């Protein structure tokens, strides 16, 4: 059993070596309904993780059309340490603070689509993340 514990610790240490990005993961609280006005306001955002991550699988946006304009959907992956608590879940928001991999991604916000185990040793939690990029031609009409 010592061999398995050593292998797990080694896999987790090596996974951390590749985490060269800084991220923040937010979870929104339930929206609030005001009975007097009938208005719904967004719930406050709670930080559930702030720390290192590996951002990978970056590819250019796939284009789609909205009427006469184009937009894009960008799919990526993020790995965070296994023992993160609470565990991120679908619809949480990942904000990429900084990265050594691709400075173009810095400052971008992604939505978490799926949370998976990161390999056989469960060294990381792998997150499928995406963002929709608006066309430069999208604008409010007066």
C-alpha atoms as a PDB file:
ATOM      1  CA  UNK A   1       0.000   0.000   0.000  1.00  0.00           C
ATOM      2  CA  UNK A   2       2.955   2.355   0.500  1.00  0.00           C
ATOM      3  CA  UNK A   3       3.640   2.194  -3.248  1.00  0.00           C
ATOM      4  CA  UNK A   4       0.123   3.413  -4.089  1.00  0.00           C
ATOM      5  CA  UNK A   5       0.343   6.307  -1.609  1.00  0.00           C
ATOM      6  CA  UNK A   6       3.737   7.302  -3.014  1.00  0.00           C
ATOM      7  CA  UNK A   7       2.428   7.152  -6.591  1.00  0.00           C
ATOM      8  CA  UNK A   8      -0.591   9.300  -5.688  1.00  0.00           C
ATOM      9  CA  UNK A   9       1.558  11.915  -3.919  1.00  0.00           C
ATOM     10  CA  UNK A  10       4.014  11.942  -6.843  1.00  0.00           C
ATOM     11  CA  UNK A  11       1.214  12.354  -9.424  1.00  0.00           C
ATOM     12  CA  UNK A  12      -0.302  15.257  -7.474  1.00  0.00           C
ATOM     13  CA  UNK A  13       3.079  16.998  -7.088  1.00  0.00           C
ATOM     14  CA  UNK A  14       3.806  16.654 -10.811  1.00  0.00           C
ATOM     15  CA  UNK A  15       0.340  17.954 -11.714  1.00  0.00           C
ATOM     16  CA  UNK A  16       0.948  21.049  -9.584  1.00  0.00           C
ATOM     17  CA  UNK A  17       4.158  21.717 -11.527  1.00  0.00           C
ATOM     18  CA  UNK A  18       2.055  22.372 -14.658  1.00  0.00           C
ATOM     19  CA  UNK A  19      -0.342  24.769 -12.920  1.00  0.00           C
ATOM     20  CA  UNK A  20       1.153  28.098 -13.999  1.00  0.00           C
ATOM     21  CA  UNK A  21      -2.065  30.103 -14.282  1.00  0.00           C
ATOM     22  CA  UNK A  22      -3.893  32.044 -11.570  1.00  0.00           C
ATOM     23  CA  UNK A  23      -7.685  31.790 -11.546  1.00  0.00           C
ATOM     24  CA  UNK A  24     -10.710  32.686  -9.465  1.00  0.00           C
ATOM     25  CA  UNK A  25     -13.881  30.551  -9.504  1.00  0.00           C
ATOM     26  CA  UNK A  26     -17.158  32.195  -8.509  1.00  0.00           C
ATOM     27  CA  UNK A  27     -20.520  30.718  -7.620  1.00  0.00           C
ATOM     28  CA  UNK A  28     -23.591  32.935  -7.760  1.00  0.00           C
ATOM     29  CA  UNK A  29     -26.163  32.751  -5.007  1.00  0.00           C
ATOM     30  CA  UNK A  30     -29.821  32.285  -5.884  1.00  0.00           C
ATOM     31  CA  UNK A  31     -31.483  35.347  -7.411  1.00  0.00           C
ATOM     32  CA  UNK A  32     -33.550  37.425  -4.994  1.00  0.00           C
ATOM     33  CA  UNK A  33     -37.230  38.173  -5.643  1.00  0.00           C
ATOM     34  CA  UNK A  34     -38.584  41.456  -4.314  1.00  0.00           C
ATOM     35  CA  UNK A  35     -42.272  40.848  -3.531  1.00  0.00           C
ATOM     36  CA  UNK A  36     -43.043  44.574  -3.328  1.00  0.00           C
ATOM     37  CA  UNK A  37     -41.668  45.495  -6.763  1.00  0.00           C
ATOM     38  CA  UNK A  38     -41.771  42.137  -8.552  1.00  0.00           C
ATOM     39  CA  UNK A  39     -38.125  42.619  -9.585  1.00  0.00           C
ATOM     40  CA  UNK A  40     -35.523  39.874  -9.524  1.00  0.00           C
ATOM     41  CA  UNK A  41     -31.941  40.814  -8.688  1.00  0.00           C
ATOM     42  CA  UNK A  42     -28.896  38.638  -9.191  1.00  0.00           C
ATOM     43  CA  UNK A  43     -27.501  36.922  -6.105  1.00  0.00           C
ATOM     44  CA  UNK A  44     -24.098  37.868  -4.780  1.00  0.00           C
ATOM     45  CA  UNK A  45     -21.107  36.022  -6.200  1.00  0.00           C
ATOM     46  CA  UNK A  46     -19.106  33.897  -3.778  1.00  0.00           C
ATOM     47  CA  UNK A  47     -15.467  33.009  -4.400  1.00  0.00           C
ATOM     48  CA  UNK A  48     -15.125  29.235  -4.046  1.00  0.00           C
ATOM     49  CA  UNK A  49     -11.556  28.892  -5.327  1.00  0.00           C
ATOM     50  CA  UNK A  50      -8.656  31.274  -5.781  1.00  0.00           C
ATOM     51  CA  UNK A  51      -5.328  29.778  -6.781  1.00  0.00           C
ATOM     52  CA  UNK A  52      -3.301  27.991  -9.412  1.00  0.00           C
ATOM     53  CA  UNK A  53      -4.597  26.079 -12.398  1.00  0.00           C
ATOM     54  CA  UNK A  54      -3.493  24.599 -15.677  1.00  0.00           C
ATOM     55  CA  UNK A  55      -5.342  26.021 -18.681  1.00  0.00           C
ATOM     56  CA  UNK A  56      -5.021  23.849 -21.761  1.00  0.00           C
ATOM     57  CA  UNK A  57      -6.619  22.606 -24.927  1.00  0.00           C
ATOM     58  CA  UNK A  58      -6.959  26.168 -26.077  1.00  0.00           C
ATOM     59  CA  UNK A  59      -8.148  26.528 -29.611  1.00  0.00           C
ATOM     60  CA  UNK A  60      -9.547  29.373 -31.597  1.00  0.00           C
ATOM     61  CA  UNK A  61     -13.201  30.172 -31.392  1.00  0.00           C
ATOM     62  CA  UNK A  62     -15.615  28.246 -33.563  1.00  0.00           C
ATOM     63  CA  UNK A  63     -17.800  30.714 -35.397  1.00  0.00           C
ATOM     64  CA  UNK A  64     -21.565  30.839 -35.530  1.00  0.00           C
ATOM     65  CA  UNK A  65     -24.007  33.302 -37.069  1.00  0.00           C
ATOM     66  CA  UNK A  66     -26.567  35.587 -35.454  1.00  0.00           C
ATOM     67  CA  UNK A  67     -28.458  37.164 -38.289  1.00  0.00           C
ATOM     68  CA  UNK A  68     -25.923  39.236 -40.193  1.00  0.00           C
ATOM     69  CA  UNK A  69     -23.164  38.961 -37.551  1.00  0.00           C
ATOM     70  CA  UNK A  70     -20.771  36.253 -36.441  1.00  0.00           C
ATOM     71  CA  UNK A  71     -19.829  35.197 -32.943  1.00  0.00           C
ATOM     72  CA  UNK A  72     -17.593  32.524 -31.504  1.00  0.00           C
ATOM     73  CA  UNK A  73     -17.566  29.759 -28.928  1.00  0.00           C
ATOM     74  CA  UNK A  74     -14.213  28.956 -27.348  1.00  0.00           C
ATOM     75  CA  UNK A  75     -13.721  25.616 -25.557  1.00  0.00           C
ATOM     76  CA  UNK A  76     -10.868  25.034 -23.109  1.00  0.00           C
ATOM     77  CA  UNK A  77      -9.935  22.900 -20.134  1.00  0.00           C
ATOM     78  CA  UNK A  78      -8.693  23.850 -16.690  1.00  0.00           C
ATOM     79  CA  UNK A  79      -7.148  21.574 -14.080  1.00  0.00           C
ATOM     80  CA  UNK A  80      -7.150  22.514 -10.400  1.00  0.00           C
ATOM     81  CA  UNK A  81      -5.807  20.663  -7.337  1.00  0.00           C
ATOM     82  CA  UNK A  82      -7.847  17.597  -6.369  1.00  0.00           C
ATOM     83  CA  UNK A  83      -8.430  18.612  -2.755  1.00  0.00           C
ATOM     84  CA  UNK A  84     -10.172  21.903  -3.610  1.00  0.00           C
ATOM     85  CA  UNK A  85     -13.170  22.439  -1.340  1.00  0.00           C
ATOM     86  CA  UNK A  86     -15.885  23.174  -2.262  1.00  0.00           C
ATOM     87  CA  UNK A  87     -15.722  21.332  -5.550  1.00  0.00           C
ATOM     88  CA  UNK A  88     -16.640  23.528  -8.528  1.00  0.00           C
ATOM     89  CA  UNK A  89     -19.804  22.577 -10.362  1.00  0.00           C
ATOM     90  CA  UNK A  90     -21.626  23.243 -13.605  1.00  0.00           C
ATOM     91  CA  UNK A  91     -22.488  26.921 -14.175  1.00  0.00           C
ATOM     92  CA  UNK A  92     -19.764  28.246 -11.859  1.00  0.00           C
ATOM     93  CA  UNK A  93     -17.710  31.041 -13.423  1.00  0.00           C
ATOM     94  CA  UNK A  94     -13.935  30.829 -13.951  1.00  0.00           C
ATOM     95  CA  UNK A  95     -11.999  34.082 -14.322  1.00  0.00           C
ATOM     96  CA  UNK A  96      -8.450  33.774 -15.672  1.00  0.00           C
ATOM     97  CA  UNK A  97      -6.316  36.290 -13.774  1.00  0.00           C
ATOM     98  CA  UNK A  98      -2.928  35.466 -15.310  1.00  0.00           C
ATOM     99  CA  UNK A  99      -1.170  32.740 -17.250  1.00  0.00           C
ATOM    100  CA  UNK A 100       2.266  31.959 -18.622  1.00  0.00           C
ATOM    101  CA  UNK A 101       0.754  29.918 -21.446  1.00  0.00           C
ATOM    102  CA  UNK A 102      -1.088  32.514 -23.555  1.00  0.00           C
ATOM    103  CA  UNK A 103      -1.414  36.146 -22.476  1.00  0.00           C
ATOM    104  CA  UNK A 104      -4.362  36.579 -24.864  1.00  0.00           C
ATOM    105  CA  UNK A 105      -6.498  34.494 -22.468  1.00  0.00           C
ATOM    106  CA  UNK A 106      -5.783  36.724 -19.461  1.00  0.00           C
ATOM    107  CA  UNK A 107      -8.815  38.564 -18.164  1.00  0.00           C
ATOM    108  CA  UNK A 108     -11.282  36.271 -19.875  1.00  0.00           C
ATOM    109  CA  UNK A 109     -14.257  34.732 -18.148  1.00  0.00           C
ATOM    110  CA  UNK A 110     -15.407  31.162 -18.793  1.00  0.00           C
ATOM    111  CA  UNK A 111     -18.450  29.157 -17.728  1.00  0.00           C
ATOM    112  CA  UNK A 112     -17.835  25.687 -16.286  1.00  0.00           C
ATOM    113  CA  UNK A 113     -19.655  23.051 -18.313  1.00  0.00           C
ATOM    114  CA  UNK A 114     -18.420  19.865 -16.609  1.00  0.00           C
ATOM    115  CA  UNK A 115     -16.241  18.704 -13.714  1.00  0.00           C
ATOM    116  CA  UNK A 116     -14.295  15.461 -14.144  1.00  0.00           C
ATOM    117  CA  UNK A 117     -11.635  13.481 -12.336  1.00  0.00           C
ATOM    118  CA  UNK A 118      -8.196  14.219 -13.693  1.00  0.00           C
ATOM    119  CA  UNK A 119      -6.756  10.833 -14.541  1.00  0.00           C
ATOM    120  CA  UNK A 120      -6.328   7.487 -12.833  1.00  0.00           C
ATOM    121  CA  UNK A 121      -4.751   8.835  -9.631  1.00  0.00           C
ATOM    122  CA  UNK A 122      -7.250  11.661  -9.221  1.00  0.00           C
ATOM    123  CA  UNK A 123      -4.383  14.113  -9.102  1.00  0.00           C
ATOM    124  CA  UNK A 124      -6.494  17.014 -10.356  1.00  0.00           C
ATOM    125  CA  UNK A 125     -10.056  18.029 -11.071  1.00  0.00           C
ATOM    126  CA  UNK A 126     -10.465  18.699 -14.770  1.00  0.00           C
ATOM    127  CA  UNK A 127     -12.984  21.365 -15.741  1.00  0.00           C
ATOM    128  CA  UNK A 128     -14.489  21.767 -19.198  1.00  0.00           C
ATOM    129  CA  UNK A 129     -14.895  25.507 -19.690  1.00  0.00           C
ATOM    130  CA  UNK A 130     -16.301  27.659 -22.497  1.00  0.00           C
ATOM    131  CA  UNK A 131     -16.986  31.248 -23.398  1.00  0.00           C
ATOM    132  CA  UNK A 132     -19.121  32.904 -26.030  1.00  0.00           C
ATOM    133  CA  UNK A 133     -17.466  35.809 -27.777  1.00  0.00           C
ATOM    134  CA  UNK A 134     -19.707  38.443 -29.229  1.00  0.00           C
ATOM    135  CA  UNK A 135     -19.259  39.820 -32.677  1.00  0.00           C
ATOM    136  CA  UNK A 136     -17.664  43.237 -32.909  1.00  0.00           C
ATOM    137  CA  UNK A 137     -20.844  44.293 -34.699  1.00  0.00           C
ATOM    138  CA  UNK A 138     -23.185  43.545 -31.765  1.00  0.00           C
ATOM    139  CA  UNK A 139     -24.476  46.770 -30.291  1.00  0.00           C
ATOM    140  CA  UNK A 140     -27.526  48.138 -28.542  1.00  0.00           C
ATOM    141  CA  UNK A 141     -30.040  49.855 -30.741  1.00  0.00           C
ATOM    142  CA  UNK A 142     -31.147  53.297 -29.575  1.00  0.00           C
END
